[in-house]
Amino acid sequence: MKSKSKTKKENPHKFTFEQIEDEAIGCRYCDMFDWQRKDLSKEELFEYAEEMRKNLDKIFHLAMSVRLNI
C-alpha cells in the first residue's frame, strides 16, 4: 500500500481529491436525497446550509492550496 506522501508526489491531484472526499464525508447531510431534505424543519435546513457552506469552504481552500503549490 502506498503512503500518502508518495501518492502526493506521484499525482498531487489524486491526493487532493482524496482529501476533499475525506472532508466532505464527515457531513451528515452529504448523502441526503432531495426528497429527504424536503422533510427537514427550518432549523435543520439552516444547519444543512451551514454544513454545505463549510464543506465548500474546505474544498475551496484545499483546491487553492494545491493550485498555489503547483
PDB file of N, CA and C in Angstrom:
ATOM      1  N   MET A   1       0.842  -1.186   0.000  1.00  0.00           N
ATOM      2  CA  MET A   1       0.000   0.000   0.000  1.00  0.00           C
ATOM      3  C   MET A   1       0.880   1.240   0.000  1.00  0.00           C
ATOM      4  N   LYS A   2       0.534   2.222  -0.810  1.00  0.00           N
ATOM      5  CA  LYS A   2       1.330   3.429  -0.938  1.00  0.00           C
ATOM      6  C   LYS A   2       1.034   4.380   0.209  1.00  0.00           C
ATOM      7  N   SER A   3       2.064   5.088   0.606  1.00  0.00           N
ATOM      8  CA  SER A   3       1.851   6.102   1.639  1.00  0.00           C
ATOM      9  C   SER A   3       1.267   7.349   0.998  1.00  0.00           C
ATOM     10  N   LYS A   4       0.636   8.191   1.826  1.00  0.00           N
ATOM     11  CA  LYS A   4       0.011   9.410   1.303  1.00  0.00           C
ATOM     12  C   LYS A   4       1.053  10.338   0.693  1.00  0.00           C
ATOM     13  N   SER A   5       2.239  10.449   1.307  1.00  0.00           N
ATOM     14  CA  SER A   5       3.263  11.345   0.782  1.00  0.00           C
ATOM     15  C   SER A   5       3.751  10.881  -0.588  1.00  0.00           C
ATOM     16  N   LYS A   6       3.895   9.574  -0.770  1.00  0.00           N
ATOM     17  CA  LYS A   6       4.304   9.049  -2.068  1.00  0.00           C
ATOM     18  C   LYS A   6       3.212   9.299  -3.101  1.00  0.00           C
ATOM     19  N   THR A   7       1.959   9.114  -2.720  1.00  0.00           N
ATOM     20  CA  THR A   7       0.843   9.378  -3.623  1.00  0.00           C
ATOM     21  C   THR A   7       0.829  10.844  -4.025  1.00  0.00           C
ATOM     22  N   LYS A   8       1.101  11.728  -3.073  1.00  0.00           N
ATOM     23  CA  LYS A   8       1.094  13.161  -3.361  1.00  0.00           C
ATOM     24  C   LYS A   8       2.184  13.508  -4.368  1.00  0.00           C
ATOM     25  N   LYS A   9       3.362  12.878  -4.244  1.00  0.00           N
ATOM     26  CA  LYS A   9       4.443  13.149  -5.184  1.00  0.00           C
ATOM     27  C   LYS A   9       4.093  12.646  -6.575  1.00  0.00           C
ATOM     28  N   GLU A  10       3.460  11.494  -6.645  1.00  0.00           N
ATOM     29  CA  GLU A  10       3.139  10.907  -7.943  1.00  0.00           C
ATOM     30  C   GLU A  10       2.014  11.660  -8.645  1.00  0.00           C
ATOM     31  N   ASN A  11       0.975  11.987  -7.923  1.00  0.00           N
ATOM     32  CA  ASN A  11      -0.166  12.678  -8.515  1.00  0.00           C
ATOM     33  C   ASN A  11      -0.808  13.569  -7.452  1.00  0.00           C
ATOM     34  N   PRO A  12      -0.423  14.837  -7.398  1.00  0.00           N
ATOM     35  CA  PRO A  12      -0.954  15.720  -6.354  1.00  0.00           C
ATOM     36  C   PRO A  12      -2.462  15.911  -6.456  1.00  0.00           C
ATOM     37  N   HIS A  13      -3.016  15.817  -7.656  1.00  0.00           N
ATOM     38  CA  HIS A  13      -4.465  15.990  -7.810  1.00  0.00           C
ATOM     39  C   HIS A  13      -5.224  14.837  -7.180  1.00  0.00           C
ATOM     40  N   LYS A  14      -4.711  13.621  -7.332  1.00  0.00           N
ATOM     41  CA  LYS A  14      -5.365  12.462  -6.727  1.00  0.00           C
ATOM     42  C   LYS A  14      -5.375  12.596  -5.212  1.00  0.00           C
ATOM     43  N   PHE A  15      -4.259  13.038  -4.646  1.00  0.00           N
ATOM     44  CA  PHE A  15      -4.177  13.243  -3.202  1.00  0.00           C
ATOM     45  C   PHE A  15      -5.192  14.290  -2.756  1.00  0.00           C
ATOM     46  N   THR A  16      -5.319  15.373  -3.505  1.00  0.00           N
ATOM     47  CA  THR A  16      -6.268  16.430  -3.165  1.00  0.00           C
ATOM     48  C   THR A  16      -7.694  15.922  -3.253  1.00  0.00           C
ATOM     49  N   PHE A  17      -8.009  15.144  -4.264  1.00  0.00           N
ATOM     50  CA  PHE A  17      -9.359  14.592  -4.375  1.00  0.00           C
ATOM     51  C   PHE A  17      -9.673  13.681  -3.198  1.00  0.00           C
ATOM     52  N   GLU A  18      -8.686  12.902  -2.776  1.00  0.00           N
ATOM     53  CA  GLU A  18      -8.886  12.042  -1.603  1.00  0.00           C
ATOM     54  C   GLU A  18      -9.120  12.878  -0.352  1.00  0.00           C
ATOM     55  N   GLN A  19      -8.378  13.977  -0.223  1.00  0.00           N
ATOM     56  CA  GLN A  19      -8.559  14.877   0.917  1.00  0.00           C
ATOM     57  C   GLN A  19      -9.954  15.492   0.901  1.00  0.00           C
ATOM     58  N   ILE A  20     -10.392  15.937  -0.261  1.00  0.00           N
ATOM     59  CA  ILE A  20     -11.723  16.536  -0.397  1.00  0.00           C
ATOM     60  C   ILE A  20     -12.792  15.518  -0.033  1.00  0.00           C
ATOM     61  N   GLU A  21     -12.628  14.309  -0.523  1.00  0.00           N
ATOM     62  CA  GLU A  21     -13.588  13.252  -0.209  1.00  0.00           C
ATOM     63  C   GLU A  21     -13.643  12.996   1.293  1.00  0.00           C
ATOM     64  N   ASP A  22     -12.480  12.941   1.931  1.00  0.00           N
ATOM     65  CA  ASP A  22     -12.431  12.713   3.377  1.00  0.00           C
ATOM     66  C   ASP A  22     -13.115  13.839   4.142  1.00  0.00           C
ATOM     67  N   GLU A  23     -12.925  15.077   3.714  1.00  0.00           N
ATOM     68  CA  GLU A  23     -13.532  16.223   4.388  1.00  0.00           C
ATOM     69  C   GLU A  23     -15.049  16.231   4.207  1.00  0.00           C
ATOM     70  N   ALA A  24     -15.502  15.920   3.012  1.00  0.00           N
ATOM     71  CA  ALA A  24     -16.933  16.013   2.717  1.00  0.00           C
ATOM     72  C   ALA A  24     -17.738  14.883   3.341  1.00  0.00           C
ATOM     73  N   ILE A  25     -17.122  13.736   3.534  1.00  0.00           N
ATOM     74  CA  ILE A  25     -17.852  12.593   4.076  1.00  0.00           C
ATOM     75  C   ILE A  25     -18.305  12.848   5.506  1.00  0.00           C
ATOM     76  N   GLY A  26     -17.617  13.715   6.219  1.00  0.00           N
ATOM     77  CA  GLY A  26     -17.947  13.980   7.611  1.00  0.00           C
ATOM     78  C   GLY A  26     -19.291  14.646   7.835  1.00  0.00           C
ATOM     79  N   CYS A  27     -19.889  15.173   6.812  1.00  0.00           N
ATOM     80  CA  CYS A  27     -21.163  15.879   6.934  1.00  0.00           C
ATOM     81  C   CYS A  27     -22.323  14.888   6.917  1.00  0.00           C
ATOM     82  N   ARG A  28     -23.220  15.021   7.891  1.00  0.00           N
ATOM     83  CA  ARG A  28     -24.332  14.061   7.955  1.00  0.00           C
ATOM     84  C   ARG A  28     -25.370  14.299   6.860  1.00  0.00           C
ATOM     85  N   TYR A  29     -25.339  15.456   6.224  1.00  0.00           N
ATOM     86  CA  TYR A  29     -26.305  15.775   5.176  1.00  0.00           C
ATOM     87  C   TYR A  29     -25.799  15.443   3.774  1.00  0.00           C
ATOM     88  N   CYS A  30     -24.545  15.082   3.637  1.00  0.00           N
ATOM     89  CA  CYS A  30     -23.948  14.896   2.313  1.00  0.00           C
ATOM     90  C   CYS A  30     -24.589  13.790   1.491  1.00  0.00           C
ATOM     91  N   ASP A  31     -25.108  12.790   2.150  1.00  0.00           N
ATOM     92  CA  ASP A  31     -25.690  11.679   1.402  1.00  0.00           C
ATOM     93  C   ASP A  31     -27.217  11.716   1.377  1.00  0.00           C
ATOM     94  N   MET A  32     -27.777  12.881   1.671  1.00  0.00           N
ATOM     95  CA  MET A  32     -29.240  13.033   1.658  1.00  0.00           C
ATOM     96  C   MET A  32     -29.756  13.234   0.237  1.00  0.00           C
ATOM     97  N   PHE A  33     -30.915  12.686  -0.022  1.00  0.00           N
ATOM     98  CA  PHE A  33     -31.584  12.908  -1.299  1.00  0.00           C
ATOM     99  C   PHE A  33     -32.499  14.127  -1.189  1.00  0.00           C
ATOM    100  N   ASP A  34     -32.896  14.667  -2.337  1.00  0.00           N
ATOM    101  CA  ASP A  34     -33.780  15.838  -2.349  1.00  0.00           C
ATOM    102  C   ASP A  34     -35.058  15.589  -1.566  1.00  0.00           C
ATOM    103  N   TRP A  35     -35.645  14.418  -1.743  1.00  0.00           N
ATOM    104  CA  TRP A  35     -36.914  14.131  -1.075  1.00  0.00           C
ATOM    105  C   TRP A  35     -36.744  14.040   0.439  1.00  0.00           C
ATOM    106  N   GLN A  36     -35.538  13.731   0.906  1.00  0.00           N
ATOM    107  CA  GLN A  36     -35.294  13.696   2.348  1.00  0.00           C
ATOM    108  C   GLN A  36     -35.150  15.108   2.915  1.00  0.00           C
ATOM    109  N   ARG A  37     -34.519  15.986   2.164  1.00  0.00           N
ATOM    110  CA  ARG A  37     -34.354  17.371   2.627  1.00  0.00           C
ATOM    111  C   ARG A  37     -35.684  18.100   2.695  1.00  0.00           C
ATOM    112  N   LYS A  38     -36.620  17.673   1.886  1.00  0.00           N
ATOM    113  CA  LYS A  38     -37.929  18.321   1.856  1.00  0.00           C
ATOM    114  C   LYS A  38     -38.635  18.233   3.209  1.00  0.00           C
ATOM    115  N   ASP A  39     -38.347  17.202   3.974  1.00  0.00           N
ATOM    116  CA  ASP A  39     -39.000  16.987   5.262  1.00  0.00           C
ATOM    117  C   ASP A  39     -38.271  17.637   6.437  1.00  0.00           C
ATOM    118  N   LEU A  40     -37.182  18.361   6.188  1.00  0.00           N
ATOM    119  CA  LEU A  40     -36.434  18.984   7.276  1.00  0.00           C
ATOM    120  C   LEU A  40     -37.150  20.222   7.803  1.00  0.00           C
ATOM    121  N   SER A  41     -36.988  20.486   9.080  1.00  0.00           N
ATOM    122  CA  SER A  41     -37.545  21.705   9.674  1.00  0.00           C
ATOM    123  C   SER A  41     -36.687  22.901   9.250  1.00  0.00           C
ATOM    124  N   LYS A  42     -37.140  24.114   9.561  1.00  0.00           N
ATOM    125  CA  LYS A  42     -36.374  25.308   9.202  1.00  0.00           C
ATOM    126  C   LYS A  42     -35.007  25.309   9.874  1.00  0.00           C
ATOM    127  N   GLU A  43     -34.965  24.880  11.128  1.00  0.00           N
ATOM    128  CA  GLU A  43     -33.692  24.825  11.846  1.00  0.00           C
ATOM    129  C   GLU A  43     -32.746  23.814  11.197  1.00  0.00           C
ATOM    130  N   GLU A  44     -33.289  22.665  10.809  1.00  0.00           N
ATOM    131  CA  GLU A  44     -32.473  21.645  10.159  1.00  0.00           C
ATOM    132  C   GLU A  44     -32.000  22.110   8.780  1.00  0.00           C
ATOM    133  N   LEU A  45     -32.849  22.852   8.068  1.00  0.00           N
ATOM    134  CA  LEU A  45     -32.444  23.389   6.768  1.00  0.00           C
ATOM    135  C   LEU A  45     -31.317  24.404   6.927  1.00  0.00           C
ATOM    136  N   PHE A  46     -31.402  25.230   7.972  1.00  0.00           N
ATOM    137  CA  PHE A  46     -30.338  26.189   8.238  1.00  0.00           C
ATOM    138  C   PHE A  46     -29.036  25.455   8.555  1.00  0.00           C
ATOM    139  N   GLU A  47     -29.120  24.415   9.374  1.00  0.00           N
ATOM    140  CA  GLU A  47     -27.946  23.613   9.713  1.00  0.00           C
ATOM    141  C   GLU A  47     -27.381  22.943   8.458  1.00  0.00           C
ATOM    142  N   TYR A  48     -28.266  22.439   7.605  1.00  0.00           N
ATOM    143  CA  TYR A  48     -27.852  21.826   6.340  1.00  0.00           C
ATOM    144  C   TYR A  48     -27.081  22.834   5.487  1.00  0.00           C
ATOM    145  N   ALA A  49     -27.633  24.039   5.355  1.00  0.00           N
ATOM    146  CA  ALA A  49     -26.981  25.067   4.544  1.00  0.00           C
ATOM    147  C   ALA A  49     -25.614  25.438   5.119  1.00  0.00           C
ATOM    148  N   GLU A  50     -25.523  25.545   6.430  1.00  0.00           N
ATOM    149  CA  GLU A  50     -24.247  25.855   7.077  1.00  0.00           C
ATOM    150  C   GLU A  50     -23.220  24.747   6.848  1.00  0.00           C
ATOM    151  N   GLU A  51     -23.641  23.506   6.970  1.00  0.00           N
ATOM    152  CA  GLU A  51     -22.731  22.380   6.742  1.00  0.00           C
ATOM    153  C   GLU A  51     -22.240  22.362   5.293  1.00  0.00           C
ATOM    154  N   MET A  52     -23.136  22.614   4.349  1.00  0.00           N
ATOM    155  CA  MET A  52     -22.743  22.635   2.942  1.00  0.00           C
ATOM    156  C   MET A  52     -21.774  23.789   2.676  1.00  0.00           C
ATOM    157  N   ARG A  53     -22.016  24.943   3.287  1.00  0.00           N
ATOM    158  CA  ARG A  53     -21.127  26.096   3.122  1.00  0.00           C
ATOM    159  C   ARG A  53     -19.741  25.776   3.684  1.00  0.00           C
ATOM    160  N   LYS A  54     -19.701  25.154   4.858  1.00  0.00           N
ATOM    161  CA  LYS A  54     -18.416  24.788   5.468  1.00  0.00           C
ATOM    162  C   LYS A  54     -17.661  23.796   4.585  1.00  0.00           C
ATOM    163  N   ASN A  55     -18.378  22.826   4.034  1.00  0.00           N
ATOM    164  CA  ASN A  55     -17.728  21.851   3.149  1.00  0.00           C
ATOM    165  C   ASN A  55     -17.201  22.512   1.885  1.00  0.00           C
ATOM    166  N   LEU A  56     -17.970  23.434   1.321  1.00  0.00           N
ATOM    167  CA  LEU A  56     -17.496  24.148   0.131  1.00  0.00           C
ATOM    168  C   LEU A  56     -16.274  24.990   0.452  1.00  0.00           C
ATOM    169  N   ASP A  57     -16.247  25.612   1.623  1.00  0.00           N
ATOM    170  CA  ASP A  57     -15.071  26.375   2.043  1.00  0.00           C
ATOM    171  C   ASP A  57     -13.848  25.475   2.156  1.00  0.00           C
ATOM    172  N   LYS A  58     -14.019  24.294   2.758  1.00  0.00           N
ATOM    173  CA  LYS A  58     -12.905  23.352   2.893  1.00  0.00           C
ATOM    174  C   LYS A  58     -12.383  22.941   1.521  1.00  0.00           C
ATOM    175  N   ILE A  59     -13.301  22.624   0.617  1.00  0.00           N
ATOM    176  CA  ILE A  59     -12.916  22.211  -0.732  1.00  0.00           C
ATOM    177  C   ILE A  59     -12.193  23.343  -1.450  1.00  0.00           C
ATOM    178  N   PHE A  60     -12.710  24.561  -1.316  1.00  0.00           N
ATOM    179  CA  PHE A  60     -12.091  25.726  -1.949  1.00  0.00           C
ATOM    180  C   PHE A  60     -10.670  25.929  -1.427  1.00  0.00           C
ATOM    181  N   HIS A  61     -10.493  25.858  -0.116  1.00  0.00           N
ATOM    182  CA  HIS A  61      -9.173  26.067   0.472  1.00  0.00           C
ATOM    183  C   HIS A  61      -8.191  24.966   0.068  1.00  0.00           C
ATOM    184  N   LEU A  62      -8.652  23.729   0.016  1.00  0.00           N
ATOM    185  CA  LEU A  62      -7.781  22.643  -0.448  1.00  0.00           C
ATOM    186  C   LEU A  62      -7.374  22.852  -1.904  1.00  0.00           C
ATOM    187  N   ALA A  63      -8.335  23.226  -2.734  1.00  0.00           N
ATOM    188  CA  ALA A  63      -8.045  23.447  -4.155  1.00  0.00           C
ATOM    189  C   ALA A  63      -7.079  24.613  -4.344  1.00  0.00           C
ATOM    190  N   MET A  64      -7.274  25.683  -3.583  1.00  0.00           N
ATOM    191  CA  MET A  64      -6.382  26.841  -3.698  1.00  0.00           C
ATOM    192  C   MET A  64      -4.973  26.494  -3.228  1.00  0.00           C
ATOM    193  N   SER A  65      -4.863  25.732  -2.150  1.00  0.00           N
ATOM    194  CA  SER A  65      -3.526  25.375  -1.665  1.00  0.00           C
ATOM    195  C   SER A  65      -2.795  24.506  -2.689  1.00  0.00           C
ATOM    196  N   VAL A  66      -3.506  23.609  -3.338  1.00  0.00           N
ATOM    197  CA  VAL A  66      -2.879  22.783  -4.375  1.00  0.00           C
ATOM    198  C   VAL A  66      -2.494  23.644  -5.564  1.00  0.00           C
ATOM    199  N   ARG A  67      -3.362  24.548  -5.944  1.00  0.00           N
ATOM    200  CA  ARG A  67      -3.075  25.402  -7.102  1.00  0.00           C
ATOM    201  C   ARG A  67      -1.860  26.292  -6.842  1.00  0.00           C
ATOM    202  N   LEU A  68      -1.744  26.809  -5.624  1.00  0.00           N
ATOM    203  CA  LEU A  68      -0.614  27.674  -5.303  1.00  0.00           C
ATOM    204  C   LEU A  68       0.689  26.897  -5.158  1.00  0.00           C
ATOM    205  N   ASN A  69       0.606  25.625  -4.817  1.00  0.00           N
ATOM    206  CA  ASN A  69       1.807  24.803  -4.656  1.00  0.00           C
ATOM    207  C   ASN A  69       2.311  24.213  -5.962  1.00  0.00           C
ATOM    208  N   ILE A  70       1.489  24.237  -6.996  1.00  0.00           N
ATOM    209  CA  ILE A  70       1.899  23.632  -8.280  1.00  0.00           C
ATOM    210  C   ILE A  70       2.581  24.662  -9.142  1.00  0.00           C
TER     211      ILE A  70
END
